[in-house]
Amino acid sequence: MAQANPRRPGGDGPLLSQRTAIVFLLAALVGIGATVLAALAGNVWPVAVSVGGGVVAPAVLFFNQIID
């Protein structure tokens, strides 16, 4: 199970846990990869960025499920 991020009294703790940072990093890399592939396939940049942006949310859900 996921545990709450412990914070030290009087100190600043991390904003994200390592697991959350890895999930977001992998999702961002998948989105960038999808954008590049869509652009190389001949789509104009606005369409390619939309494709990449549309892939990020499912990637977050996917990596959140498989990373324990």
N, C-alpha and C. Protein backbone atom coordinates (compact mmCIF):
# COMPACT_ATOMS: atom_id res chain seq x y z
N MET A 1 0.83 -1.18 0.00
CA MET A 1 0.00 0.00 0.00
C MET A 1 0.88 1.24 0.00
N ALA A 2 0.36 2.29 -0.52
CA ALA A 2 1.09 3.55 -0.54
C ALA A 2 1.07 4.17 0.85
N GLN A 3 2.21 4.72 1.24
CA GLN A 3 2.30 5.36 2.54
C GLN A 3 2.35 6.87 2.35
N ALA A 4 1.87 7.56 3.37
CA ALA A 4 1.93 9.02 3.32
C ALA A 4 3.38 9.46 3.36
N ASN A 5 3.64 10.58 2.73
CA ASN A 5 5.00 11.11 2.69
C ASN A 5 5.31 11.75 4.04
N PRO A 6 6.26 11.17 4.81
CA PRO A 6 6.53 11.73 6.14
C PRO A 6 7.24 13.07 6.03
N ARG A 7 6.84 14.00 6.85
CA ARG A 7 7.48 15.32 6.89
C ARG A 7 8.07 15.53 8.27
N ARG A 8 9.25 16.11 8.28
CA ARG A 8 9.89 16.42 9.54
C ARG A 8 9.24 17.64 10.16
N PRO A 9 9.07 17.65 11.49
CA PRO A 9 8.51 18.84 12.11
C PRO A 9 9.44 20.03 11.95
N GLY A 10 8.91 21.11 11.49
CA GLY A 10 9.69 22.32 11.32
C GLY A 10 10.55 22.33 10.09
N GLY A 11 10.49 21.30 9.27
CA GLY A 11 11.32 21.24 8.07
C GLY A 11 10.46 21.00 6.83
N ASP A 12 11.06 21.24 5.72
CA ASP A 12 10.34 21.01 4.47
C ASP A 12 10.68 19.63 3.94
N GLY A 13 9.67 18.87 3.62
CA GLY A 13 9.88 17.55 3.04
C GLY A 13 9.80 17.63 1.53
N PRO A 14 9.99 16.52 0.87
CA PRO A 14 9.89 16.51 -0.59
C PRO A 14 8.45 16.75 -1.04
N LEU A 15 8.32 17.38 -2.20
CA LEU A 15 6.98 17.64 -2.72
C LEU A 15 6.35 16.37 -3.30
N LEU A 16 7.19 15.52 -3.90
CA LEU A 16 6.70 14.27 -4.49
C LEU A 16 7.53 13.11 -3.95
N SER A 17 6.89 11.96 -3.83
CA SER A 17 7.65 10.77 -3.47
C SER A 17 8.42 10.29 -4.69
N GLN A 18 9.36 9.38 -4.46
CA GLN A 18 10.15 8.86 -5.57
C GLN A 18 9.26 8.12 -6.56
N ARG A 19 8.29 7.38 -6.06
CA ARG A 19 7.40 6.63 -6.93
C ARG A 19 6.59 7.57 -7.83
N THR A 20 6.07 8.62 -7.26
CA THR A 20 5.30 9.59 -8.03
C THR A 20 6.17 10.27 -9.08
N ALA A 21 7.38 10.62 -8.70
CA ALA A 21 8.29 11.27 -9.65
C ALA A 21 8.63 10.34 -10.81
N ILE A 22 8.83 9.06 -10.53
CA ILE A 22 9.13 8.10 -11.60
C ILE A 22 7.93 7.91 -12.51
N VAL A 23 6.74 7.84 -11.94
CA VAL A 23 5.53 7.69 -12.76
C VAL A 23 5.37 8.88 -13.69
N PHE A 24 5.54 10.09 -13.16
CA PHE A 24 5.40 11.28 -14.00
C PHE A 24 6.50 11.39 -15.03
N LEU A 25 7.72 11.00 -14.66
CA LEU A 25 8.83 11.03 -15.61
C LEU A 25 8.58 10.07 -16.77
N LEU A 26 8.17 8.85 -16.47
CA LEU A 26 7.89 7.89 -17.54
C LEU A 26 6.73 8.34 -18.41
N ALA A 27 5.70 8.92 -17.81
CA ALA A 27 4.57 9.41 -18.59
C ALA A 27 5.00 10.56 -19.50
N ALA A 28 5.86 11.43 -19.01
CA ALA A 28 6.34 12.54 -19.84
C ALA A 28 7.19 12.02 -20.99
N LEU A 29 8.02 11.02 -20.73
CA LEU A 29 8.83 10.44 -21.80
C LEU A 29 7.97 9.76 -22.86
N VAL A 30 6.91 9.09 -22.43
CA VAL A 30 5.99 8.46 -23.39
C VAL A 30 5.29 9.54 -24.21
N GLY A 31 4.88 10.63 -23.58
CA GLY A 31 4.23 11.72 -24.31
C GLY A 31 5.16 12.36 -25.33
N ILE A 32 6.42 12.57 -24.94
CA ILE A 32 7.40 13.15 -25.87
C ILE A 32 7.65 12.20 -27.03
N GLY A 33 7.78 10.91 -26.72
CA GLY A 33 7.98 9.92 -27.77
C GLY A 33 6.81 9.87 -28.74
N ALA A 34 5.60 9.92 -28.22
CA ALA A 34 4.42 9.91 -29.09
C ALA A 34 4.36 11.17 -29.94
N THR A 35 4.75 12.30 -29.38
CA THR A 35 4.77 13.55 -30.15
C THR A 35 5.77 13.47 -31.30
N VAL A 36 6.95 12.96 -31.00
CA VAL A 36 7.98 12.84 -32.04
C VAL A 36 7.54 11.87 -33.13
N LEU A 37 6.99 10.73 -32.74
CA LEU A 37 6.53 9.76 -33.73
C LEU A 37 5.39 10.31 -34.59
N ALA A 38 4.48 11.05 -33.97
CA ALA A 38 3.38 11.64 -34.74
C ALA A 38 3.90 12.69 -35.70
N ALA A 39 4.90 13.46 -35.28
CA ALA A 39 5.48 14.48 -36.17
C ALA A 39 6.24 13.82 -37.32
N LEU A 40 6.96 12.74 -37.03
CA LEU A 40 7.68 12.03 -38.08
C LEU A 40 6.74 11.33 -39.05
N ALA A 41 5.53 11.04 -38.61
CA ALA A 41 4.54 10.40 -39.47
C ALA A 41 3.91 11.38 -40.45
N GLY A 42 4.25 12.66 -40.31
CA GLY A 42 3.76 13.64 -41.27
C GLY A 42 2.67 14.55 -40.75
N ASN A 43 2.32 14.41 -39.48
CA ASN A 43 1.31 15.31 -38.91
C ASN A 43 1.93 16.67 -38.62
N VAL A 44 1.11 17.71 -38.66
CA VAL A 44 1.60 19.04 -38.30
C VAL A 44 1.81 19.09 -36.79
N TRP A 45 2.63 20.05 -36.32
CA TRP A 45 3.00 20.09 -34.91
C TRP A 45 1.82 20.20 -33.95
N PRO A 46 0.79 21.01 -34.24
CA PRO A 46 -0.33 21.04 -33.28
C PRO A 46 -1.01 19.69 -33.10
N VAL A 47 -1.13 18.94 -34.18
CA VAL A 47 -1.74 17.61 -34.08
C VAL A 47 -0.80 16.67 -33.32
N ALA A 48 0.49 16.75 -33.60
CA ALA A 48 1.46 15.89 -32.93
C ALA A 48 1.49 16.16 -31.43
N VAL A 49 1.44 17.43 -31.04
CA VAL A 49 1.43 17.76 -29.61
C VAL A 49 0.13 17.30 -28.96
N SER A 50 -0.97 17.37 -29.68
CA SER A 50 -2.24 16.87 -29.15
C SER A 50 -2.20 15.36 -28.94
N VAL A 51 -1.58 14.67 -29.86
CA VAL A 51 -1.42 13.22 -29.71
C VAL A 51 -0.57 12.91 -28.48
N GLY A 52 0.55 13.62 -28.36
CA GLY A 52 1.42 13.40 -27.20
C GLY A 52 0.73 13.72 -25.89
N GLY A 53 -0.02 14.80 -25.87
CA GLY A 53 -0.76 15.16 -24.66
C GLY A 53 -1.85 14.17 -24.31
N GLY A 54 -2.46 13.60 -25.33
CA GLY A 54 -3.51 12.62 -25.11
C GLY A 54 -2.99 11.29 -24.60
N VAL A 55 -1.72 11.04 -24.78
CA VAL A 55 -1.12 9.78 -24.35
C VAL A 55 -0.64 9.86 -22.90
N VAL A 56 -0.43 11.05 -22.40
CA VAL A 56 0.16 11.21 -21.06
C VAL A 56 -0.76 10.68 -19.97
N ALA A 57 -2.03 10.99 -20.00
CA ALA A 57 -2.94 10.56 -18.93
C ALA A 57 -3.06 9.03 -18.86
N PRO A 58 -3.27 8.34 -19.98
CA PRO A 58 -3.28 6.87 -19.87
C PRO A 58 -1.93 6.30 -19.43
N ALA A 59 -0.84 6.96 -19.80
CA ALA A 59 0.48 6.49 -19.38
C ALA A 59 0.64 6.63 -17.86
N VAL A 60 0.13 7.71 -17.28
CA VAL A 60 0.19 7.87 -15.83
C VAL A 60 -0.61 6.76 -15.15
N LEU A 61 -1.79 6.48 -15.66
CA LEU A 61 -2.61 5.41 -15.09
C LEU A 61 -1.92 4.05 -15.22
N PHE A 62 -1.32 3.80 -16.38
CA PHE A 62 -0.65 2.53 -16.63
C PHE A 62 0.55 2.36 -15.71
N PHE A 63 1.44 3.34 -15.65
CA PHE A 63 2.63 3.21 -14.82
C PHE A 63 2.28 3.22 -13.34
N ASN A 64 1.22 3.89 -12.95
CA ASN A 64 0.78 3.88 -11.57
C ASN A 64 0.34 2.48 -11.16
N GLN A 65 -0.27 1.74 -12.10
CA GLN A 65 -0.73 0.38 -11.80
C GLN A 65 0.42 -0.61 -11.74
N ILE A 66 1.41 -0.48 -12.62
CA ILE A 66 2.43 -1.53 -12.68
C ILE A 66 3.61 -1.29 -11.74
N ILE A 67 3.80 -0.07 -11.25
CA ILE A 67 4.91 0.21 -10.33
C ILE A 67 4.38 0.12 -8.90
N ASP A 68 4.94 -0.80 -8.16
CA ASP A 68 4.51 -0.96 -6.75
C ASP A 68 5.47 -0.29 -5.82
